[in-house]
C-alpha atoms as a PDB file:
ATOM      1  CA  MET A   1     -51.666  -0.314  64.707  1.00  0.00           C
ATOM      2  CA  GLN A   2     -51.716  -1.487  61.124  1.00  0.00           C
ATOM      3  CA  SER A   3     -54.835  -2.502  59.265  1.00  0.00           C
ATOM      4  CA  PHE A   4     -55.615  -4.261  56.013  1.00  0.00           C
ATOM      5  CA  ASP A   5     -56.780  -1.136  54.175  1.00  0.00           C
ATOM      6  CA  TRP A   6     -56.893  -0.005  50.533  1.00  0.00           C
ATOM      7  CA  LEU A   7     -53.089   0.222  50.287  1.00  0.00           C
ATOM      8  CA  SER A   8     -52.705  -3.325  51.592  1.00  0.00           C
ATOM      9  CA  ILE A   9     -55.317  -4.518  49.084  1.00  0.00           C
ATOM     10  CA  VAL A  10     -53.507  -2.832  46.167  1.00  0.00           C
ATOM     11  CA  LEU A  11     -50.112  -4.188  47.224  1.00  0.00           C
ATOM     12  CA  THR A  12     -51.523  -7.660  47.828  1.00  0.00           C
ATOM     13  CA  ALA A  13     -52.986  -7.623  44.301  1.00  0.00           C
ATOM     14  CA  LEU A  14     -49.620  -6.524  42.872  1.00  0.00           C
ATOM     15  CA  LEU A  15     -47.834  -9.275  44.811  1.00  0.00           C
ATOM     16  CA  VAL A  16     -50.331 -11.872  43.543  1.00  0.00           C
ATOM     17  CA  ILE A  17     -49.625 -10.667  39.992  1.00  0.00           C
ATOM     18  CA  SER A  18     -45.879 -11.065  40.658  1.00  0.00           C
ATOM     19  CA  LEU A  19     -46.480 -14.572  42.004  1.00  0.00           C
ATOM     20  CA  LEU A  20     -48.643 -15.579  39.018  1.00  0.00           C
ATOM     21  CA  SER A  21     -46.136 -14.123  36.574  1.00  0.00           C
ATOM     22  CA  GLY A  22     -43.394 -16.199  38.211  1.00  0.00           C
ATOM     23  CA  LEU A  23     -45.598 -19.290  38.094  1.00  0.00           C
ATOM     24  CA  ARG A  24     -46.241 -18.788  34.376  1.00  0.00           C
ATOM     25  CA  ARG A  25     -42.619 -18.003  33.489  1.00  0.00           C
ATOM     26  CA  GLY A  26     -41.033 -20.647  35.697  1.00  0.00           C
ATOM     27  CA  PHE A  27     -37.917 -20.758  37.838  1.00  0.00           C
ATOM     28  CA  PHE A  28     -35.346 -20.860  35.062  1.00  0.00           C
ATOM     29  CA  ARG A  29     -36.757 -17.879  33.180  1.00  0.00           C
ATOM     30  CA  GLN A  30     -37.053 -15.877  36.393  1.00  0.00           C
ATOM     31  CA  ILE A  31     -33.440 -16.656  37.308  1.00  0.00           C
ATOM     32  CA  ALA A  32     -32.355 -15.933  33.714  1.00  0.00           C
ATOM     33  CA  ASP A  33     -34.003 -12.492  33.961  1.00  0.00           C
ATOM     34  CA  ILE A  34     -32.142 -11.669  37.164  1.00  0.00           C
ATOM     35  CA  ALA A  35     -28.840 -13.065  35.891  1.00  0.00           C
ATOM     36  CA  GLY A  36     -29.290 -11.318  32.541  1.00  0.00           C
ATOM     37  CA  LEU A  37     -29.807  -7.950  34.203  1.00  0.00           C
ATOM     38  CA  VAL A  38     -26.877  -8.319  36.606  1.00  0.00           C
ATOM     39  CA  VAL A  39     -24.382  -9.948  34.219  1.00  0.00           C
ATOM     40  CA  GLY A  40     -25.499  -7.726  31.332  1.00  0.00           C
ATOM     41  CA  PHE A  41     -24.919  -4.607  33.412  1.00  0.00           C
ATOM     42  CA  ILE A  42     -21.503  -5.786  34.620  1.00  0.00           C
ATOM     43  CA  VAL A  43     -20.284  -6.839  31.159  1.00  0.00           C
ATOM     44  CA  ALA A  44     -21.675  -3.700  29.492  1.00  0.00           C
ATOM     45  CA  SER A  45     -20.007  -1.548  32.165  1.00  0.00           C
ATOM     46  CA  LYS A  46     -16.663  -3.127  31.273  1.00  0.00           C
ATOM     47  CA  LEU A  47     -17.001  -3.247  27.460  1.00  0.00           C
ATOM     48  CA  TYR A  48     -19.077  -0.205  26.467  1.00  0.00           C
ATOM     49  CA  ALA A  49     -16.051   1.869  25.371  1.00  0.00           C
ATOM     50  CA  GLN A  50     -14.671  -0.898  23.148  1.00  0.00           C
ATOM     51  CA  ALA A  51     -18.125  -1.483  21.680  1.00  0.00           C
ATOM     52  CA  GLY A  52     -18.450   2.266  21.061  1.00  0.00           C
ATOM     53  CA  GLN A  53     -15.114   2.290  19.219  1.00  0.00           C
ATOM     54  CA  TRP A  54     -16.243  -0.651  17.094  1.00  0.00           C
ATOM     55  CA  ILE A  55     -19.514   1.115  16.264  1.00  0.00           C
ATOM     56  CA  ALA A  56     -17.540   4.269  15.328  1.00  0.00           C
ATOM     57  CA  GLY A  57     -16.211   2.346  12.326  1.00  0.00           C
ATOM     58  CA  TYR A  58     -19.775   2.127  10.996  1.00  0.00           C
ATOM     59  CA  LEU A  59     -21.368   5.327  12.309  1.00  0.00           C
ATOM     60  CA  THR A  60     -18.803   8.072  11.819  1.00  0.00           C
ATOM     61  CA  ASN A  61     -20.758  11.232  12.624  1.00  0.00           C
ATOM     62  CA  LEU A  62     -21.707  10.474  16.262  1.00  0.00           C
ATOM     63  CA  SER A  63     -20.049  11.874  19.378  1.00  0.00           C
ATOM     64  CA  GLU A  64     -17.972   9.623  21.603  1.00  0.00           C
ATOM     65  CA  GLN A  65     -20.592   9.887  24.355  1.00  0.00           C
ATOM     66  CA  VAL A  66     -23.392   8.729  22.039  1.00  0.00           C
ATOM     67  CA  LEU A  67     -21.204   5.887  20.738  1.00  0.00           C
ATOM     68  CA  CYS A  68     -20.512   4.759  24.320  1.00  0.00           C
ATOM     69  CA  VAL A  69     -24.229   4.795  25.163  1.00  0.00           C
ATOM     70  CA  ILE A  70     -25.036   2.798  22.033  1.00  0.00           C
ATOM     71  CA  GLY A  71     -22.158   0.426  22.868  1.00  0.00           C
ATOM     72  CA  PHE A  72     -23.496  -0.072  26.395  1.00  0.00           C
ATOM     73  CA  VAL A  73     -27.011  -0.809  25.138  1.00  0.00           C
ATOM     74  CA  ILE A  74     -25.788  -3.256  22.484  1.00  0.00           C
ATOM     75  CA  VAL A  75     -23.511  -5.175  24.883  1.00  0.00           C
ATOM     76  CA  PHE A  76     -26.181  -5.205  27.599  1.00  0.00           C
ATOM     77  CA  MET A  77     -28.874  -6.467  25.235  1.00  0.00           C
ATOM     78  CA  ALA A  78     -26.590  -9.116  23.697  1.00  0.00           C
ATOM     79  CA  VAL A  79     -25.656 -10.541  27.106  1.00  0.00           C
ATOM     80  CA  PHE A  80     -29.225 -10.297  28.406  1.00  0.00           C
ATOM     81  CA  LEU A  81     -30.639 -12.074  25.340  1.00  0.00           C
ATOM     82  CA  ALA A  82     -27.970 -14.804  25.464  1.00  0.00           C
ATOM     83  CA  ILE A  83     -28.854 -15.542  29.088  1.00  0.00           C
ATOM     84  CA  GLU A  84     -32.589 -15.406  28.252  1.00  0.00           C
ATOM     85  CA  ILE A  85     -32.019 -18.052  25.565  1.00  0.00           C
ATOM     86  CA  ILE A  86     -30.265 -20.250  28.122  1.00  0.00           C
ATOM     87  CA  GLY A  87     -33.261 -19.771  30.449  1.00  0.00           C
ATOM     88  CA  LEU A  88     -35.670 -20.772  27.676  1.00  0.00           C
ATOM     89  CA  ILE A  89     -33.606 -23.874  26.872  1.00  0.00           C
ATOM     90  CA  LEU A  90     -33.560 -24.913  30.537  1.00  0.00           C
ATOM     91  CA  THR A  91     -37.306 -24.286  30.808  1.00  0.00           C
ATOM     92  CA  LYS A  92     -37.919 -26.521  27.782  1.00  0.00           C
ATOM     93  CA  ALA A  93     -35.604 -29.188  29.219  1.00  0.00           C
ATOM     94  CA  PHE A  94     -37.603 -29.189  32.450  1.00  0.00           C
ATOM     95  CA  SER A  95     -41.029 -29.189  30.786  1.00  0.00           C
ATOM     96  CA  LEU A  96     -41.518 -32.879  31.504  1.00  0.00           C
ATOM     97  CA  PRO A  97     -44.541 -33.769  33.648  1.00  0.00           C
ATOM     98  CA  GLY A  98     -43.686 -33.313  37.307  1.00  0.00           C
ATOM     99  CA  LEU A  99     -40.595 -31.210  36.638  1.00  0.00           C
ATOM    100  CA  ASN A 100     -42.786 -28.597  34.972  1.00  0.00           C
ATOM    101  CA  VAL A 101     -44.818 -28.221  38.183  1.00  0.00           C
ATOM    102  CA  ILE A 102     -41.660 -27.808  40.279  1.00  0.00           C
ATOM    103  CA  ASN A 103     -40.288 -25.258  37.786  1.00  0.00           C
ATOM    104  CA  GLY A 104     -43.551 -23.274  37.963  1.00  0.00           C
ATOM    105  CA  LEU A 105     -43.813 -23.348  41.761  1.00  0.00           C
ATOM    106  CA  ALA A 106     -40.181 -22.309  42.187  1.00  0.00           C
ATOM    107  CA  GLY A 107     -40.812 -19.531  39.650  1.00  0.00           C
ATOM    108  CA  ALA A 108     -43.805 -18.376  41.697  1.00  0.00           C
ATOM    109  CA  VAL A 109     -41.613 -18.116  44.807  1.00  0.00           C
ATOM    110  CA  ILE A 110     -39.007 -16.107  42.880  1.00  0.00           C
ATOM    111  CA  GLY A 111     -41.755 -13.909  41.386  1.00  0.00           C
ATOM    112  CA  LEU A 112     -43.199 -13.183  44.826  1.00  0.00           C
ATOM    113  CA  ALA A 113     -39.731 -12.433  46.224  1.00  0.00           C
ATOM    114  CA  LEU A 114     -38.922 -10.071  43.348  1.00  0.00           C
ATOM    115  CA  GLY A 115     -42.273  -8.310  43.703  1.00  0.00           C
ATOM    116  CA  SER A 116     -41.780  -7.933  47.457  1.00  0.00           C
ATOM    117  CA  PHE A 117     -38.262  -6.610  46.924  1.00  0.00           C
ATOM    118  CA  PHE A 118     -39.348  -4.110  44.266  1.00  0.00           C
ATOM    119  CA  TYR A 119     -42.387  -2.780  46.151  1.00  0.00           C
ATOM    120  CA  GLY A 120     -40.422  -2.652  49.406  1.00  0.00           C
ATOM    121  CA  ILE A 121     -37.830  -0.426  47.741  1.00  0.00           C
ATOM    122  CA  VAL A 122     -40.509   1.808  46.193  1.00  0.00           C
ATOM    123  CA  LEU A 123     -42.262   2.202  49.555  1.00  0.00           C
ATOM    124  CA  SER A 124     -38.970   2.924  51.340  1.00  0.00           C
ATOM    125  CA  LEU A 125     -38.116   5.593  48.794  1.00  0.00           C
ATOM    126  CA  LEU A 126     -41.582   7.115  49.227  1.00  0.00           C
ATOM    127  CA  LEU A 127     -41.041   7.182  52.991  1.00  0.00           C
ATOM    128  CA  ALA A 128     -37.708   8.922  52.441  1.00  0.00           C
ATOM    129  CA  LEU A 129     -39.587  11.826  50.842  1.00  0.00           C
ATOM    130  CA  ASN A 130     -40.939  12.475  54.338  1.00  0.00           C
ATOM    131  CA  ILE A 131     -44.439  13.394  53.170  1.00  0.00           C
ATOM    132  CA  GLN A 132     -46.795  13.036  56.129  1.00  0.00           C
ATOM    133  CA  VAL A 133     -49.749  11.639  54.157  1.00  0.00           C
ATOM    134  CA  VAL A 134     -47.545   8.976  52.527  1.00  0.00           C
ATOM    135  CA  SER A 135     -45.826   8.062  55.797  1.00  0.00           C
ATOM    136  CA  SER A 136     -49.154   7.763  57.616  1.00  0.00           C
ATOM    137  CA  ALA A 137     -50.631   5.566  54.880  1.00  0.00           C
ATOM    138  CA  ILE A 138     -47.640   3.206  54.930  1.00  0.00           C
ATOM    139  CA  GLU A 139     -47.330   3.107  58.713  1.00  0.00           C
ATOM    140  CA  GLY A 140     -51.049   2.383  59.125  1.00  0.00           C
ATOM    141  CA  SER A 141     -51.248  -0.361  56.514  1.00  0.00           C
ATOM    142  CA  ILE A 142     -50.048  -3.865  57.353  1.00  0.00           C
ATOM    143  CA  VAL A 143     -48.714  -5.080  53.957  1.00  0.00           C
ATOM    144  CA  PRO A 144     -46.629  -1.983  53.143  1.00  0.00           C
ATOM    145  CA  TYR A 145     -45.337  -1.897  56.712  1.00  0.00           C
ATOM    146  CA  TYR A 146     -43.950  -5.427  56.471  1.00  0.00           C
ATOM    147  CA  LEU A 147     -42.555  -4.831  52.979  1.00  0.00           C
ATOM    148  CA  VAL A 148     -40.563  -1.857  54.301  1.00  0.00           C
ATOM    149  CA  VAL A 149     -39.429  -3.802  57.371  1.00  0.00           C
ATOM    150  CA  GLY A 150     -38.387  -6.680  55.089  1.00  0.00           C
ATOM    151  CA  ILE A 151     -36.413  -4.537  52.645  1.00  0.00           C
ATOM    152  CA  THR A 152     -34.694  -2.797  55.552  1.00  0.00           C
ATOM    153  CA  TRP A 153     -33.693  -6.181  56.977  1.00  0.00           C
ATOM    154  CA  VAL A 154     -32.341  -7.286  53.566  1.00  0.00           C
ATOM    155  CA  TYR A 155     -30.394  -4.045  53.187  1.00  0.00           C
ATOM    156  CA  ASP A 156     -28.901  -4.389  56.659  1.00  0.00           C
ATOM    157  CA  LYS A 157     -27.818  -7.977  55.881  1.00  0.00           C
ATOM    158  CA  LEU A 158     -26.358  -6.996  52.489  1.00  0.00           C
ATOM    159  CA  GLY A 159     -24.550  -4.071  54.105  1.00  0.00           C
ATOM    160  CA  PHE A 160     -22.949  -6.535  56.494  1.00  0.00           C
ATOM    161  CA  ALA A 161     -22.058  -8.988  53.713  1.00  0.00           C
ATOM    162  CA  ILE A 162     -20.979  -6.332  51.191  1.00  0.00           C
ATOM    163  CA  PRO A 163     -19.135  -3.535  53.034  1.00  0.00           C
ATOM    164  CA  GLN A 164     -19.425  -1.160  50.046  1.00  0.00           C
ATOM    165  CA  LEU A 165     -23.184  -1.008  50.681  1.00  0.00           C
ATOM    166  CA  GLU A 166     -22.699   0.122  54.263  1.00  0.00           C
ATOM    167  CA  ASN A 167     -23.470   3.766  53.490  1.00  0.00           C
ATOM    168  CA  ALA A 168     -24.637   3.459  49.887  1.00  0.00           C
ATOM    169  CA  ILE A 169     -28.309   4.184  50.533  1.00  0.00           C
ATOM    170  CA  PRO A 170     -28.624   5.769  53.979  1.00  0.00           C
ATOM    171  CA  ILE A 171     -32.437   5.788  53.998  1.00  0.00           C
ATOM    172  CA  PHE A 172     -32.427   2.000  54.482  1.00  0.00           C
ATOM    173  CA  LYS A 173     -29.821   2.015  57.264  1.00  0.00           C
ATOM    174  CA  GLY A 174     -31.442   1.122  60.556  1.00  0.00           C
ATOM    175  CA  PHE A 175     -34.816   2.262  59.254  1.00  0.00           C
ATOM    176  CA  GLN A 176     -37.702   1.814  61.643  1.00  0.00           C
ATOM    177  CA  ILE A 177     -41.316   2.803  61.448  1.00  0.00           C
END
């Protein structure tokens, strides 16, 4: 039986911080962060070699591996910042009275969802270490228990929707406490 113990209190506080951060930043900036990370990673994964070759024209004494890493970082940051700017513009456009409240509340929901997702993954990974003290603390605490159950449900649904995830992270597959 789960209880609302110290671990639940800590995680609840962290989730409230995630919610408040989303409220302050707003929906468009929260979505821009997510989109910037995903799109930035995809674009940088495709263009890092070309960016590294371009950089080689300016920095001649670096290895190809270092140039590729620098190229990845530059492309990633450029895409991320461009999407962040779009998020800021949309936030300003929706800063009218009434719309600003909706933007903040929607941002709070996204912030809470992101916090739940992140802490659910962290807890699941801790459970995968199979350390008895950690497992007992998570199993006996109500908030971490439901975060792990939730992330397992999400993973199962994504595995169904995206077949490549089926066996990508086996610790989430059919996980039950």
